[in-house]
Amino acid sequence: MIVSKDSEFHQRSLLYGHPPKFIYLRVGNCSTSKIVQILRDEIDIVSQFGDREAESILILS
């Protein structure tokens, strides 16, 4: 699973699907602690996404 703010990974995921699964963080410029907080707040969604075989991208903001 890849976690990134880079839109190129987002485009690759749309074009080729998975693997790998991709978590796209649409947060702009922010601190690492803000990214960690987002991932912690959404841990249930991230976990469910990891278990779903048909899904290749998860967008968090």
N, C-alpha and C. Protein backbone atom coordinates (compact mmCIF):
# COMPACT_ATOMS: atom_id res chain seq x y z
N MET A 1 0.85 -1.17 0.00
CA MET A 1 0.00 0.00 0.00
C MET A 1 0.90 1.23 0.00
N ILE A 2 0.56 2.20 -0.84
CA ILE A 2 1.29 3.46 -0.94
C ILE A 2 0.43 4.56 -0.35
N VAL A 3 1.05 5.43 0.45
CA VAL A 3 0.39 6.62 0.98
C VAL A 3 1.19 7.81 0.46
N SER A 4 0.51 8.74 -0.22
CA SER A 4 1.23 9.86 -0.82
C SER A 4 0.31 11.05 -1.02
N LYS A 5 0.94 12.23 -1.12
CA LYS A 5 0.24 13.44 -1.51
C LYS A 5 0.49 13.74 -2.99
N ASP A 6 1.26 12.91 -3.66
CA ASP A 6 1.68 13.12 -5.04
C ASP A 6 0.57 12.70 -6.01
N SER A 7 0.12 13.62 -6.84
CA SER A 7 -0.98 13.32 -7.76
C SER A 7 -0.57 12.32 -8.84
N GLU A 8 0.72 12.15 -9.11
CA GLU A 8 1.15 11.17 -10.11
C GLU A 8 0.76 9.75 -9.69
N PHE A 9 0.86 9.44 -8.41
CA PHE A 9 0.42 8.13 -7.93
C PHE A 9 -1.08 7.98 -8.11
N HIS A 10 -1.82 9.06 -7.88
CA HIS A 10 -3.26 9.05 -8.06
C HIS A 10 -3.60 8.73 -9.51
N GLN A 11 -2.94 9.39 -10.45
CA GLN A 11 -3.18 9.16 -11.86
C GLN A 11 -2.80 7.72 -12.25
N ARG A 12 -1.69 7.21 -11.72
CA ARG A 12 -1.26 5.84 -12.02
C ARG A 12 -2.30 4.84 -11.53
N SER A 13 -2.84 5.09 -10.34
CA SER A 13 -3.84 4.20 -9.77
C SER A 13 -5.10 4.18 -10.63
N LEU A 14 -5.50 5.33 -11.14
CA LEU A 14 -6.69 5.39 -11.99
C LEU A 14 -6.45 4.68 -13.32
N LEU A 15 -5.23 4.78 -13.84
CA LEU A 15 -4.90 4.19 -15.12
C LEU A 15 -4.71 2.68 -15.05
N TYR A 16 -3.94 2.22 -14.04
CA TYR A 16 -3.56 0.81 -13.98
C TYR A 16 -4.28 0.00 -12.91
N GLY A 17 -4.98 0.67 -12.00
CA GLY A 17 -5.63 -0.07 -10.91
C GLY A 17 -4.61 -0.56 -9.90
N HIS A 18 -4.89 -1.66 -9.26
CA HIS A 18 -3.98 -2.19 -8.25
C HIS A 18 -3.56 -3.59 -8.61
N PRO A 19 -2.52 -4.17 -8.03
CA PRO A 19 -1.72 -3.59 -6.96
C PRO A 19 -0.79 -2.50 -7.48
N PRO A 20 -0.24 -1.67 -6.70
CA PRO A 20 -0.50 -1.54 -5.27
C PRO A 20 -1.73 -0.69 -5.00
N LYS A 21 -2.26 -0.88 -3.82
CA LYS A 21 -3.34 -0.02 -3.36
C LYS A 21 -2.73 1.34 -3.02
N PHE A 22 -3.52 2.39 -3.15
CA PHE A 22 -3.00 3.74 -2.99
C PHE A 22 -3.92 4.58 -2.12
N ILE A 23 -3.35 5.22 -1.13
CA ILE A 23 -4.07 6.19 -0.30
C ILE A 23 -3.56 7.56 -0.69
N TYR A 24 -4.45 8.36 -1.25
CA TYR A 24 -4.11 9.69 -1.73
C TYR A 24 -4.53 10.72 -0.69
N LEU A 25 -3.56 11.46 -0.17
CA LEU A 25 -3.82 12.49 0.83
C LEU A 25 -3.97 13.83 0.14
N ARG A 26 -5.17 14.34 0.09
CA ARG A 26 -5.43 15.64 -0.52
C ARG A 26 -5.47 16.69 0.57
N VAL A 27 -4.29 17.05 1.04
CA VAL A 27 -4.20 17.96 2.19
C VAL A 27 -3.35 19.19 1.92
N GLY A 28 -2.73 19.32 0.76
CA GLY A 28 -1.89 20.48 0.50
C GLY A 28 -0.67 20.46 1.41
N ASN A 29 -0.09 21.61 1.60
CA ASN A 29 1.08 21.70 2.48
C ASN A 29 0.64 21.62 3.93
N CYS A 30 1.20 20.65 4.64
CA CYS A 30 0.88 20.50 6.05
C CYS A 30 2.03 19.76 6.74
N SER A 31 1.99 19.75 8.03
CA SER A 31 3.05 19.11 8.81
C SER A 31 2.88 17.59 8.82
N THR A 32 3.96 16.93 9.12
CA THR A 32 3.93 15.47 9.25
C THR A 32 2.96 15.07 10.36
N SER A 33 2.92 15.83 11.43
CA SER A 33 2.01 15.50 12.53
C SER A 33 0.55 15.59 12.08
N LYS A 34 0.23 16.51 11.16
CA LYS A 34 -1.13 16.61 10.64
C LYS A 34 -1.47 15.36 9.81
N ILE A 35 -0.52 14.88 9.01
CA ILE A 35 -0.73 13.67 8.21
C ILE A 35 -0.94 12.47 9.13
N VAL A 36 -0.13 12.36 10.16
CA VAL A 36 -0.28 11.26 11.12
C VAL A 36 -1.65 11.33 11.77
N GLN A 37 -2.10 12.53 12.12
CA GLN A 37 -3.41 12.68 12.76
C GLN A 37 -4.53 12.25 11.82
N ILE A 38 -4.44 12.63 10.55
CA ILE A 38 -5.46 12.22 9.57
C ILE A 38 -5.52 10.70 9.47
N LEU A 39 -4.36 10.06 9.35
CA LEU A 39 -4.33 8.59 9.24
C LEU A 39 -4.86 7.92 10.50
N ARG A 40 -4.52 8.47 11.65
CA ARG A 40 -5.05 7.91 12.91
C ARG A 40 -6.55 8.08 13.02
N ASP A 41 -7.05 9.24 12.62
CA ASP A 41 -8.48 9.50 12.69
C ASP A 41 -9.27 8.59 11.75
N GLU A 42 -8.66 8.19 10.66
CA GLU A 42 -9.34 7.38 9.64
C GLU A 42 -8.88 5.93 9.64
N ILE A 43 -8.31 5.44 10.72
CA ILE A 43 -7.72 4.09 10.77
C ILE A 43 -8.74 3.01 10.42
N ASP A 44 -9.99 3.16 10.82
CA ASP A 44 -11.01 2.15 10.50
C ASP A 44 -11.27 2.10 8.99
N ILE A 45 -11.35 3.27 8.36
CA ILE A 45 -11.57 3.34 6.92
C ILE A 45 -10.37 2.77 6.17
N VAL A 46 -9.16 3.10 6.63
CA VAL A 46 -7.94 2.59 6.00
C VAL A 46 -7.88 1.07 6.11
N SER A 47 -8.22 0.54 7.26
CA SER A 47 -8.21 -0.90 7.48
C SER A 47 -9.22 -1.61 6.57
N GLN A 48 -10.43 -1.06 6.48
CA GLN A 48 -11.45 -1.64 5.61
C GLN A 48 -11.01 -1.58 4.16
N PHE A 49 -10.39 -0.48 3.75
CA PHE A 49 -9.88 -0.32 2.39
C PHE A 49 -8.84 -1.41 2.08
N GLY A 50 -7.97 -1.69 3.03
CA GLY A 50 -6.96 -2.72 2.83
C GLY A 50 -7.55 -4.10 2.63
N ASP A 51 -8.72 -4.34 3.21
CA ASP A 51 -9.37 -5.65 3.10
C ASP A 51 -10.21 -5.82 1.83
N ARG A 52 -10.54 -4.74 1.18
CA ARG A 52 -11.40 -4.81 -0.02
C ARG A 52 -10.55 -5.01 -1.27
N GLU A 53 -10.72 -6.13 -1.92
CA GLU A 53 -9.91 -6.46 -3.08
C GLU A 53 -10.26 -5.62 -4.31
N ALA A 54 -11.49 -5.19 -4.44
CA ALA A 54 -11.92 -4.49 -5.64
C ALA A 54 -11.52 -3.02 -5.68
N GLU A 55 -11.14 -2.45 -4.54
CA GLU A 55 -10.82 -1.03 -4.48
C GLU A 55 -9.31 -0.83 -4.62
N SER A 56 -8.94 0.21 -5.39
CA SER A 56 -7.51 0.46 -5.59
C SER A 56 -7.08 1.82 -5.04
N ILE A 57 -8.01 2.72 -4.77
CA ILE A 57 -7.64 4.05 -4.29
C ILE A 57 -8.58 4.51 -3.18
N LEU A 58 -7.99 5.16 -2.19
CA LEU A 58 -8.72 5.78 -1.10
C LEU A 58 -8.23 7.21 -1.00
N ILE A 59 -9.14 8.16 -1.03
CA ILE A 59 -8.77 9.57 -0.94
C ILE A 59 -9.16 10.09 0.43
N LEU A 60 -8.18 10.66 1.12
CA LEU A 60 -8.41 11.25 2.44
C LEU A 60 -8.06 12.73 2.38
N SER A 61 -8.81 13.54 3.11
CA SER A 61 -8.51 14.97 3.16
C SER A 61 -8.73 15.50 4.55
